[in-house]
Amino acid sequence: EDVSQLNTLINSAYRGESSKKGWTTEANILEGLRTTEDEL
C-alpha cells in the first residue's frame, strides 16, 4: 500500500529539481528515475 508514496518520495529526493532542495541529490550526475513502482 506504500509503493506509490515511496516511489514519489525516493524519486523526489534523488533526481530532478525537487531533489536540489536537499544535499543528497544526484540530479547533477544522473537523470532518469531512481526507482519505479514495479521495482519497489
PDB file of all heavy atoms in Angstrom:
ATOM      1  N   GLU A   1       0.817  -1.213   0.000  1.00  0.00           N
ATOM      2  CA  GLU A   1       0.000   0.000   0.000  1.00  0.00           C
ATOM      3  C   GLU A   1       0.856   1.271   0.000  1.00  0.00           C
ATOM      4  O   GLU A   1       0.367   2.355  -0.320  1.00  0.00           O
ATOM      5  CB  GLU A   1      -0.932   0.023   1.217  1.00  0.00           C
ATOM      6  CG  GLU A   1      -2.062  -0.995   1.153  1.00  0.00           C
ATOM      7  CD  GLU A   1      -1.607  -2.429   1.415  1.00  0.00           C
ATOM      8  OE1 GLU A   1      -0.769  -2.656   2.312  1.00  0.00           O
ATOM      9  OE2 GLU A   1      -2.085  -3.335   0.696  1.00  0.00           O
ATOM     10  N   ASP A   2       2.123   1.149   0.360  1.00  0.00           N
ATOM     11  CA  ASP A   2       3.023   2.301   0.454  1.00  0.00           C
ATOM     12  C   ASP A   2       3.801   2.573  -0.833  1.00  0.00           C
ATOM     13  O   ASP A   2       4.494   3.583  -0.929  1.00  0.00           O
ATOM     14  CB  ASP A   2       4.041   2.078   1.582  1.00  0.00           C
ATOM     15  CG  ASP A   2       3.383   1.930   2.930  1.00  0.00           C
ATOM     16  OD1 ASP A   2       2.478   2.736   3.251  1.00  0.00           O
ATOM     17  OD2 ASP A   2       3.776   1.006   3.685  1.00  0.00           O
ATOM     18  N   VAL A   3       3.692   1.689  -1.817  1.00  0.00           N
ATOM     19  CA  VAL A   3       4.555   1.754  -3.002  1.00  0.00           C
ATOM     20  C   VAL A   3       4.467   3.103  -3.716  1.00  0.00           C
ATOM     21  O   VAL A   3       5.493   3.708  -4.044  1.00  0.00           O
ATOM     22  CB  VAL A   3       4.261   0.578  -3.960  1.00  0.00           C
ATOM     23  CG1 VAL A   3       4.872   0.818  -5.333  1.00  0.00           C
ATOM     24  CG2 VAL A   3       4.799  -0.717  -3.366  1.00  0.00           C
ATOM     25  N   SER A   4       3.292   3.600  -3.949  1.00  0.00           N
ATOM     26  CA  SER A   4       3.145   4.854  -4.691  1.00  0.00           C
ATOM     27  C   SER A   4       3.787   6.021  -3.940  1.00  0.00           C
ATOM     28  O   SER A   4       4.538   6.818  -4.528  1.00  0.00           O
ATOM     29  CB  SER A   4       1.660   5.134  -4.940  1.00  0.00           C
ATOM     30  OG  SER A   4       1.512   6.335  -5.658  1.00  0.00           O
ATOM     31  N   GLN A   5       3.530   6.100  -2.636  1.00  0.00           N
ATOM     32  CA  GLN A   5       4.103   7.181  -1.841  1.00  0.00           C
ATOM     33  C   GLN A   5       5.624   7.056  -1.739  1.00  0.00           C
ATOM     34  O   GLN A   5       6.344   8.052  -1.825  1.00  0.00           O
ATOM     35  CB  GLN A   5       3.461   7.179  -0.436  1.00  0.00           C
ATOM     36  CG  GLN A   5       3.391   8.531   0.190  1.00  0.00           C
ATOM     37  CD  GLN A   5       2.737   8.527   1.560  1.00  0.00           C
ATOM     38  OE1 GLN A   5       3.277   9.152   2.447  1.00  0.00           O
ATOM     39  NE2 GLN A   5       1.625   7.848   1.745  1.00  0.00           N
ATOM     40  N   LEU A   6       6.130   5.818  -1.600  1.00  0.00           N
ATOM     41  CA  LEU A   6       7.582   5.599  -1.563  1.00  0.00           C
ATOM     42  C   LEU A   6       8.218   6.022  -2.882  1.00  0.00           C
ATOM     43  O   LEU A   6       9.266   6.672  -2.901  1.00  0.00           O
ATOM     44  CB  LEU A   6       7.898   4.124  -1.291  1.00  0.00           C
ATOM     45  CG  LEU A   6       7.684   3.623   0.123  1.00  0.00           C
ATOM     46  CD1 LEU A   6       7.750   2.102   0.157  1.00  0.00           C
ATOM     47  CD2 LEU A   6       8.686   4.234   1.093  1.00  0.00           C
ATOM     48  N   ASN A   7       7.604   5.641  -3.990  1.00  0.00           N
ATOM     49  CA  ASN A   7       8.143   5.969  -5.303  1.00  0.00           C
ATOM     50  C   ASN A   7       8.260   7.487  -5.472  1.00  0.00           C
ATOM     51  O   ASN A   7       9.292   7.994  -5.931  1.00  0.00           O
ATOM     52  CB  ASN A   7       7.251   5.365  -6.390  1.00  0.00           C
ATOM     53  CG  ASN A   7       7.840   5.504  -7.763  1.00  0.00           C
ATOM     54  OD1 ASN A   7       8.963   5.093  -8.018  1.00  0.00           O
ATOM     55  ND2 ASN A   7       7.080   6.090  -8.668  1.00  0.00           N
ATOM     56  N   THR A   8       7.219   8.204  -5.093  1.00  0.00           N
ATOM     57  CA  THR A   8       7.236   9.664  -5.194  1.00  0.00           C
ATOM     58  C   THR A   8       8.346  10.246  -4.331  1.00  0.00           C
ATOM     59  O   THR A   8       9.120  11.100  -4.771  1.00  0.00           O
ATOM     60  CB  THR A   8       5.867  10.243  -4.792  1.00  0.00           C
ATOM     61  OG1 THR A   8       4.877   9.721  -5.677  1.00  0.00           O
ATOM     62  CG2 THR A   8       5.864  11.759  -4.853  1.00  0.00           C
ATOM     63  N   LEU A   9       8.438   9.786  -3.087  1.00  0.00           N
ATOM     64  CA  LEU A   9       9.460  10.286  -2.157  1.00  0.00           C
ATOM     65  C   LEU A   9      10.868  10.032  -2.693  1.00  0.00           C
ATOM     66  O   LEU A   9      11.697  10.950  -2.763  1.00  0.00           O
ATOM     67  CB  LEU A   9       9.306   9.617  -0.785  1.00  0.00           C
ATOM     68  CG  LEU A   9      10.455   9.863   0.192  1.00  0.00           C
ATOM     69  CD1 LEU A   9      10.466  11.313   0.664  1.00  0.00           C
ATOM     70  CD2 LEU A   9      10.375   8.901   1.368  1.00  0.00           C
ATOM     71  N   ILE A  10      11.160   8.797  -3.060  1.00  0.00           N
ATOM     72  CA  ILE A  10      12.515   8.420  -3.482  1.00  0.00           C
ATOM     73  C   ILE A  10      12.932   9.202  -4.725  1.00  0.00           C
ATOM     74  O   ILE A  10      14.031   9.765  -4.773  1.00  0.00           O
ATOM     75  CB  ILE A  10      12.608   6.896  -3.694  1.00  0.00           C
ATOM     76  CG1 ILE A  10      12.458   6.179  -2.353  1.00  0.00           C
ATOM     77  CG2 ILE A  10      13.929   6.523  -4.370  1.00  0.00           C
ATOM     78  CD1 ILE A  10      12.157   4.691  -2.471  1.00  0.00           C
ATOM     79  N   ASN A  11      12.068   9.256  -5.714  1.00  0.00           N
ATOM     80  CA  ASN A  11      12.431   9.978  -6.935  1.00  0.00           C
ATOM     81  C   ASN A  11      12.572  11.475  -6.685  1.00  0.00           C
ATOM     82  O   ASN A  11      13.442  12.121  -7.271  1.00  0.00           O
ATOM     83  CB  ASN A  11      11.433   9.675  -8.056  1.00  0.00           C
ATOM     84  CG  ASN A  11      11.689   8.309  -8.667  1.00  0.00           C
ATOM     85  OD1 ASN A  11      12.792   8.019  -9.096  1.00  0.00           O
ATOM     86  ND2 ASN A  11      10.683   7.465  -8.666  1.00  0.00           N
ATOM     87  N   SER A  12      11.766  12.036  -5.773  1.00  0.00           N
ATOM     88  CA  SER A  12      11.872  13.477  -5.483  1.00  0.00           C
ATOM     89  C   SER A  12      13.151  13.810  -4.731  1.00  0.00           C
ATOM     90  O   SER A  12      13.661  14.923  -4.829  1.00  0.00           O
ATOM     91  CB  SER A  12      10.665  13.953  -4.673  1.00  0.00           C
ATOM     92  OG  SER A  12      10.748  13.526  -3.317  1.00  0.00           O
ATOM     93  N   ALA A  13      13.681  12.847  -3.993  1.00  0.00           N
ATOM     94  CA  ALA A  13      14.883  13.105  -3.192  1.00  0.00           C
ATOM     95  C   ALA A  13      16.180  12.888  -3.976  1.00  0.00           C
ATOM     96  O   ALA A  13      17.210  13.460  -3.632  1.00  0.00           O
ATOM     97  CB  ALA A  13      14.885  12.219  -1.944  1.00  0.00           C
ATOM     98  N   TYR A  14      16.139  12.055  -4.999  1.00  0.00           N
ATOM     99  CA  TYR A  14      17.364  11.728  -5.736  1.00  0.00           C
ATOM    100  C   TYR A  14      17.524  12.477  -7.053  1.00  0.00           C
ATOM    101  O   TYR A  14      18.643  12.783  -7.460  1.00  0.00           O
ATOM    102  CB  TYR A  14      17.420  10.220  -6.034  1.00  0.00           C
ATOM    103  CG  TYR A  14      17.866   9.385  -4.864  1.00  0.00           C
ATOM    104  CD1 TYR A  14      16.956   8.872  -3.956  1.00  0.00           C
ATOM    105  CD2 TYR A  14      19.209   9.103  -4.664  1.00  0.00           C
ATOM    106  CE1 TYR A  14      17.365   8.093  -2.888  1.00  0.00           C
ATOM    107  CE2 TYR A  14      19.634   8.329  -3.606  1.00  0.00           C
ATOM    108  CZ  TYR A  14      18.702   7.826  -2.713  1.00  0.00           C
ATOM    109  OH  TYR A  14      19.114   7.065  -1.654  1.00  0.00           O
ATOM    110  N   ARG A  15      16.430  12.715  -7.760  1.00  0.00           N
ATOM    111  CA  ARG A  15      16.533  13.250  -9.116  1.00  0.00           C
ATOM    112  C   ARG A  15      15.599  14.433  -9.318  1.00  0.00           C
ATOM    113  O   ARG A  15      14.613  14.598  -8.624  1.00  0.00           O
ATOM    114  CB  ARG A  15      16.191  12.171 -10.149  1.00  0.00           C
ATOM    115  CG  ARG A  15      16.923  10.854  -9.972  1.00  0.00           C
ATOM    116  CD  ARG A  15      18.323  10.859 -10.536  1.00  0.00           C
ATOM    117  NE  ARG A  15      19.123   9.755 -10.048  1.00  0.00           N
ATOM    118  CZ  ARG A  15      19.073   8.512 -10.478  1.00  0.00           C
ATOM    119  NH1 ARG A  15      18.256   8.173 -11.440  1.00  0.00           N
ATOM    120  NH2 ARG A  15      19.858   7.594  -9.964  1.00  0.00           N
ATOM    121  N   GLY A  16      15.908  15.228 -10.326  1.00  0.00           N
ATOM    122  CA  GLY A  16      15.035  16.328 -10.715  1.00  0.00           C
ATOM    123  C   GLY A  16      15.183  17.555  -9.828  1.00  0.00           C
ATOM    124  O   GLY A  16      15.972  17.579  -8.888  1.00  0.00           O
ATOM    125  N   GLU A  17      14.423  18.582 -10.159  1.00  0.00           N
ATOM    126  CA  GLU A  17      14.514  19.876  -9.465  1.00  0.00           C
ATOM    127  C   GLU A  17      14.207  19.775  -7.980  1.00  0.00           C
ATOM    128  O   GLU A  17      14.864  20.395  -7.161  1.00  0.00           O
ATOM    129  CB  GLU A  17      13.576  20.901 -10.123  1.00  0.00           C
ATOM    130  CG  GLU A  17      14.103  21.480 -11.410  1.00  0.00           C
ATOM    131  CD  GLU A  17      15.488  22.089 -11.279  1.00  0.00           C
ATOM    132  OE1 GLU A  17      15.701  22.943 -10.398  1.00  0.00           O
ATOM    133  OE2 GLU A  17      16.377  21.714 -12.065  1.00  0.00           O
ATOM    134  N   SER A  18      13.194  18.989  -7.618  1.00  0.00           N
ATOM    135  CA  SER A  18      12.808  18.902  -6.201  1.00  0.00           C
ATOM    136  C   SER A  18      13.958  18.384  -5.340  1.00  0.00           C
ATOM    137  O   SER A  18      14.122  18.798  -4.197  1.00  0.00           O
ATOM    138  CB  SER A  18      11.584  18.001  -6.023  1.00  0.00           C
ATOM    139  OG  SER A  18      11.884  16.672  -6.436  1.00  0.00           O
ATOM    140  N   SER A  19      14.788  17.501  -5.905  1.00  0.00           N
ATOM    141  CA  SER A  19      15.889  16.923  -5.131  1.00  0.00           C
ATOM    142  C   SER A  19      16.948  17.967  -4.769  1.00  0.00           C
ATOM    143  O   SER A  19      17.688  17.807  -3.807  1.00  0.00           O
ATOM    144  CB  SER A  19      16.535  15.768  -5.898  1.00  0.00           C
ATOM    145  OG  SER A  19      17.263  16.244  -7.011  1.00  0.00           O
ATOM    146  N   LYS A  20      17.011  19.052  -5.529  1.00  0.00           N
ATOM    147  CA  LYS A  20      18.031  20.076  -5.295  1.00  0.00           C
ATOM    148  C   LYS A  20      17.774  20.879  -4.025  1.00  0.00           C
ATOM    149  O   LYS A  20      18.635  21.633  -3.584  1.00  0.00           O
ATOM    150  CB  LYS A  20      18.150  20.990  -6.515  1.00  0.00           C
ATOM    151  CG  LYS A  20      18.686  20.238  -7.736  1.00  0.00           C
ATOM    152  CD  LYS A  20      18.735  21.115  -8.969  1.00  0.00           C
ATOM    153  CE  LYS A  20      19.201  20.309 -10.178  1.00  0.00           C
ATOM    154  NZ  LYS A  20      19.173  21.105 -11.401  1.00  0.00           N
ATOM    155  N   LYS A  21      16.595  20.698  -3.408  1.00  0.00           N
ATOM    156  CA  LYS A  21      16.304  21.343  -2.124  1.00  0.00           C
ATOM    157  C   LYS A  21      17.081  20.675  -0.990  1.00  0.00           C
ATOM    158  O   LYS A  21      17.239  21.242   0.082  1.00  0.00           O
ATOM    159  CB  LYS A  21      14.806  21.272  -1.814  1.00  0.00           C
ATOM    160  CG  LYS A  21      13.948  22.052  -2.783  1.00  0.00           C
ATOM    161  CD  LYS A  21      12.479  21.842  -2.475  1.00  0.00           C
ATOM    162  CE  LYS A  21      11.618  22.489  -3.538  1.00  0.00           C
ATOM    163  NZ  LYS A  21      10.209  22.082  -3.413  1.00  0.00           N
ATOM    164  N   GLY A  22      17.535  19.448  -1.221  1.00  0.00           N
ATOM    165  CA  GLY A  22      18.291  18.700  -0.217  1.00  0.00           C
ATOM    166  C   GLY A  22      19.747  18.575  -0.629  1.00  0.00           C
ATOM    167  O   GLY A  22      20.116  18.877  -1.759  1.00  0.00           O
ATOM    168  N   TRP A  23      20.566  18.099   0.285  1.00  0.00           N
ATOM    169  CA  TRP A  23      22.000  17.991  -0.002  1.00  0.00           C
ATOM    170  C   TRP A  23      22.381  16.620  -0.554  1.00  0.00           C
ATOM    171  O   TRP A  23      23.532  16.399  -0.923  1.00  0.00           O
ATOM    172  CB  TRP A  23      22.833  18.342   1.228  1.00  0.00           C
ATOM    173  CG  TRP A  23      22.699  17.386   2.368  1.00  0.00           C
ATOM    174  CD1 TRP A  23      21.760  17.424   3.361  1.00  0.00           C
ATOM    175  CD2 TRP A  23      23.524  16.256   2.657  1.00  0.00           C
ATOM    176  NE1 TRP A  23      21.937  16.376   4.223  1.00  0.00           N
ATOM    177  CE2 TRP A  23      23.021  15.656   3.825  1.00  0.00           C
ATOM    178  CE3 TRP A  23      24.640  15.685   2.036  1.00  0.00           C
ATOM    179  CZ2 TRP A  23      23.588  14.508   4.386  1.00  0.00           C
ATOM    180  CZ3 TRP A  23      25.206  14.553   2.600  1.00  0.00           C
ATOM    181  CH2 TRP A  23      24.688  13.984   3.764  1.00  0.00           C
ATOM    182  N   THR A  24      21.451  15.671  -0.634  1.00  0.00           N
ATOM    183  CA  THR A  24      21.796  14.327  -1.105  1.00  0.00           C
ATOM    184  C   THR A  24      21.408  14.072  -2.555  1.00  0.00           C
ATOM    185  O   THR A  24      21.431  12.947  -3.015  1.00  0.00           O
ATOM    186  CB  THR A  24      21.122  13.253  -0.218  1.00  0.00           C
ATOM    187  OG1 THR A  24      19.704  13.375  -0.347  1.00  0.00           O
ATOM    188  CG2 THR A  24      21.542  13.401   1.235  1.00  0.00           C
ATOM    189  N   THR A  25      21.068  15.098  -3.285  1.00  0.00           N
ATOM    190  CA  THR A  25      20.628  14.960  -4.674  1.00  0.00           C
ATOM    191  C   THR A  25      21.673  14.286  -5.565  1.00  0.00           C
ATOM    192  O   THR A  25      22.876  14.425  -5.352  1.00  0.00           O
ATOM    193  CB  THR A  25      20.268  16.342  -5.266  1.00  0.00           C
ATOM    194  OG1 THR A  25      19.803  16.143  -6.596  1.00  0.00           O
ATOM    195  CG2 THR A  25      21.451  17.289  -5.270  1.00  0.00           C
ATOM    196  N   GLU A  26      21.175  13.558  -6.549  1.00  0.00           N
ATOM    197  CA  GLU A  26      22.031  13.016  -7.611  1.00  0.00           C
ATOM    198  C   GLU A  26      21.758  13.735  -8.932  1.00  0.00           C
ATOM    199  O   GLU A  26      22.261  13.331  -9.980  1.00  0.00           O
ATOM    200  CB  GLU A  26      21.750  11.520  -7.809  1.00  0.00           C
ATOM    201  CG  GLU A  26      22.146  10.650  -6.652  1.00  0.00           C
ATOM    202  CD  GLU A  26      21.780   9.181  -6.858  1.00  0.00           C
ATOM    203  OE1 GLU A  26      20.983   8.841  -7.748  1.00  0.00           O
ATOM    204  OE2 GLU A  26      22.299   8.367  -6.086  1.00  0.00           O
ATOM    205  N   ALA A  27      20.952  14.799  -8.883  1.00  0.00           N
ATOM    206  CA  ALA A  27      20.496  15.477 -10.107  1.00  0.00           C
ATOM    207  C   ALA A  27      21.646  16.046 -10.929  1.00  0.00           C
ATOM    208  O   ALA A  27      21.508  16.228 -12.140  1.00  0.00           O
ATOM    209  CB  ALA A  27      19.504  16.587  -9.756  1.00  0.00           C
ATOM    210  N   ASN A  28      22.789  16.311 -10.298  1.00  0.00           N
ATOM    211  CA  ASN A  28      23.930  16.866 -11.033  1.00  0.00           C
ATOM    212  C   ASN A  28      24.782  15.787 -11.707  1.00  0.00           C
ATOM    213  O   ASN A  28      25.662  16.101 -12.490  1.00  0.00           O
ATOM    214  CB  ASN A  28      24.792  17.724 -10.097  1.00  0.00           C
ATOM    215  CG  ASN A  28      25.282  16.931  -8.899  1.00  0.00           C
ATOM    216  OD1 ASN A  28      24.645  15.975  -8.468  1.00  0.00           O
ATOM    217  ND2 ASN A  28      26.409  17.338  -8.347  1.00  0.00           N
ATOM    218  N   ILE A  29      24.506  14.509 -11.390  1.00  0.00           N
ATOM    219  CA  ILE A  29      25.308  13.441 -12.009  1.00  0.00           C
ATOM    220  C   ILE A  29      24.476  12.415 -12.774  1.00  0.00           C
ATOM    221  O   ILE A  29      25.006  11.698 -13.604  1.00  0.00           O
ATOM    222  CB  ILE A  29      26.194  12.709 -10.970  1.00  0.00           C
ATOM    223  CG1 ILE A  29      25.376  12.149  -9.816  1.00  0.00           C
ATOM    224  CG2 ILE A  29      27.315  13.607 -10.473  1.00  0.00           C
ATOM    225  CD1 ILE A  29      26.152  11.265  -8.854  1.00  0.00           C
ATOM    226  N   LEU A  30      23.166  12.341 -12.467  1.00  0.00           N
ATOM    227  CA  LEU A  30      22.311  11.347 -13.118  1.00  0.00           C
ATOM    228  C   LEU A  30      20.958  11.944 -13.454  1.00  0.00           C
ATOM    229  O   LEU A  30      20.466  12.820 -12.746  1.00  0.00           O
ATOM    230  CB  LEU A  30      22.078  10.143 -12.186  1.00  0.00           C
ATOM    231  CG  LEU A  30      23.289   9.316 -11.809  1.00  0.00           C
ATOM    232  CD1 LEU A  30      22.957   8.406 -10.641  1.00  0.00           C
ATOM    233  CD2 LEU A  30      23.762   8.494 -12.991  1.00  0.00           C
ATOM    234  N   GLU A  31      20.362  11.429 -14.525  1.00  0.00           N
ATOM    235  CA  GLU A  31      18.975  11.784 -14.801  1.00  0.00           C
ATOM    236  C   GLU A  31      18.200  10.489 -14.992  1.00  0.00           C
ATOM    237  O   GLU A  31      18.760   9.401 -14.934  1.00  0.00           O
ATOM    238  CB  GLU A  31      18.852  12.718 -15.996  1.00  0.00           C
ATOM    239  CG  GLU A  31      19.384  12.198 -17.284  1.00  0.00           C
ATOM    240  CD  GLU A  31      19.295  13.234 -18.402  1.00  0.00           C
ATOM    241  OE1 GLU A  31      19.299  14.446 -18.128  1.00  0.00           O
ATOM    242  OE2 GLU A  31      19.213  12.808 -19.559  1.00  0.00           O
ATOM    243  N   GLY A  32      16.918  10.620 -15.210  1.00  0.00           N
ATOM    244  CA  GLY A  32      16.067   9.436 -15.252  1.00  0.00           C
ATOM    245  C   GLY A  32      15.515   9.192 -13.858  1.00  0.00           C
ATOM    246  O   GLY A  32      15.714   9.985 -12.941  1.00  0.00           O
ATOM    247  N   LEU A  33      14.830   8.103 -13.682  1.00  0.00           N
ATOM    248  CA  LEU A  33      14.230   7.783 -12.392  1.00  0.00           C
ATOM    249  C   LEU A  33      15.221   7.049 -11.495  1.00  0.00           C
ATOM    250  O   LEU A  33      16.085   6.323 -11.976  1.00  0.00           O
ATOM    251  CB  LEU A  33      12.999   6.901 -12.595  1.00  0.00           C
ATOM    252  CG  LEU A  33      11.843   7.521 -13.377  1.00  0.00           C
ATOM    253  CD1 LEU A  33      10.759   6.481 -13.616  1.00  0.00           C
ATOM    254  CD2 LEU A  33      11.291   8.734 -12.639  1.00  0.00           C
ATOM    255  N   ARG A  34      15.069   7.203 -10.190  1.00  0.00           N
ATOM    256  CA  ARG A  34      15.872   6.433  -9.240  1.00  0.00           C
ATOM    257  C   ARG A  34      15.270   5.046  -9.055  1.00  0.00           C
ATOM    258  O   ARG A  34      15.953   4.071  -8.841  1.00  0.00           O
ATOM    259  CB  ARG A  34      15.953   7.188  -7.899  1.00  0.00           C
ATOM    260  CG  ARG A  34      16.639   6.430  -6.762  1.00  0.00           C
ATOM    261  CD  ARG A  34      18.064   6.061  -7.133  1.00  0.00           C
ATOM    262  NE  ARG A  34      18.741   5.336  -6.083  1.00  0.00           N
ATOM    263  CZ  ARG A  34      18.633   4.016  -5.882  1.00  0.00           C
ATOM    264  NH1 ARG A  34      17.849   3.293  -6.644  1.00  0.00           N
ATOM    265  NH2 ARG A  34      19.303   3.427  -4.913  1.00  0.00           N
ATOM    266  N   THR A  35      13.938   4.973  -9.109  1.00  0.00           N
ATOM    267  CA  THR A  35      13.238   3.698  -8.966  1.00  0.00           C
ATOM    268  C   THR A  35      11.873   3.808  -9.628  1.00  0.00           C
ATOM    269  O   THR A  35      11.495   4.873 -10.123  1.00  0.00           O
ATOM    270  CB  THR A  35      13.104   3.302  -7.472  1.00  0.00           C
ATOM    271  OG1 THR A  35      12.672   1.945  -7.384  1.00  0.00           O
ATOM    272  CG2 THR A  35      12.152   4.212  -6.715  1.00  0.00           C
ATOM    273  N   THR A  36      11.150   2.711  -9.657  1.00  0.00           N
ATOM    274  CA  THR A  36       9.802   2.680 -10.220  1.00  0.00           C
ATOM    275  C   THR A  36       8.874   1.963  -9.251  1.00  0.00           C
ATOM    276  O   THR A  36       9.332   1.229  -8.357  1.00  0.00           O
ATOM    277  CB  THR A  36       9.770   1.931 -11.570  1.00  0.00           C
ATOM    278  OG1 THR A  36      10.106   0.550 -11.330  1.00  0.00           O
ATOM    279  CG2 THR A  36      10.731   2.542 -12.578  1.00  0.00           C
ATOM    280  N   GLU A  37       7.575   2.129  -9.440  1.00  0.00           N
ATOM    281  CA  GLU A  37       6.613   1.417  -8.589  1.00  0.00           C
ATOM    282  C   GLU A  37       6.761  -0.094  -8.758  1.00  0.00           C
ATOM    283  O   GLU A  37       6.671  -0.835  -7.777  1.00  0.00           O
ATOM    284  CB  GLU A  37       5.183   1.868  -8.888  1.00  0.00           C
ATOM    285  CG  GLU A  37       4.909   3.257  -8.346  1.00  0.00           C
ATOM    286  CD  GLU A  37       3.437   3.644  -8.363  1.00  0.00           C
ATOM    287  OE1 GLU A  37       2.558   2.748  -8.491  1.00  0.00           O
ATOM    288  OE2 GLU A  37       3.160   4.853  -8.240  1.00  0.00           O
ATOM    289  N   ASP A  38       7.001  -0.562  -9.983  1.00  0.00           N
ATOM    290  CA  ASP A  38       7.183  -2.003 -10.204  1.00  0.00           C
ATOM    291  C   ASP A  38       8.394  -2.533  -9.439  1.00  0.00           C
ATOM    292  O   ASP A  38       8.329  -3.594  -8.815  1.00  0.00           O
ATOM    293  CB  ASP A  38       7.347  -2.314 -11.697  1.00  0.00           C
ATOM    294  CG  ASP A  38       6.030  -2.231 -12.460  1.00  0.00           C
ATOM    295  OD1 ASP A  38       4.958  -2.190 -11.819  1.00  0.00           O
ATOM    296  OD2 ASP A  38       6.085  -2.194 -13.701  1.00  0.00           O
ATOM    297  N   GLU A  39       9.505  -1.794  -9.501  1.00  0.00           N
ATOM    298  CA  GLU A  39      10.712  -2.214  -8.795  1.00  0.00           C
ATOM    299  C   GLU A  39      10.461  -2.251  -7.281  1.00  0.00           C
ATOM    300  O   GLU A  39      10.861  -3.203  -6.606  1.00  0.00           O
ATOM    301  CB  GLU A  39      11.860  -1.250  -9.122  1.00  0.00           C
ATOM    302  CG  GLU A  39      13.184  -1.630  -8.488  1.00  0.00           C
ATOM    303  CD  GLU A  39      14.295  -0.658  -8.852  1.00  0.00           C
ATOM    304  OE1 GLU A  39      14.193   0.533  -8.488  1.00  0.00           O
ATOM    305  OE2 GLU A  39      15.249  -1.097  -9.504  1.00  0.00           O
ATOM    306  N   LEU A  40       9.798  -1.244  -6.756  1.00  0.00           N
ATOM    307  CA  LEU A  40       9.514  -1.202  -5.314  1.00  0.00           C
ATOM    308  C   LEU A  40       8.572  -2.324  -4.899  1.00  0.00           C
ATOM    309  O   LEU A  40       8.772  -2.964  -3.861  1.00  0.00           O
ATOM    310  CB  LEU A  40       8.935   0.157  -4.926  1.00  0.00           C
ATOM    311  CG  LEU A  40       9.926   1.314  -4.967  1.00  0.00           C
ATOM    312  CD1 LEU A  40       9.202   2.645  -4.869  1.00  0.00           C
ATOM    313  CD2 LEU A  40      10.963   1.183  -3.857  1.00  0.00           C
TER     314      LEU A  40
END
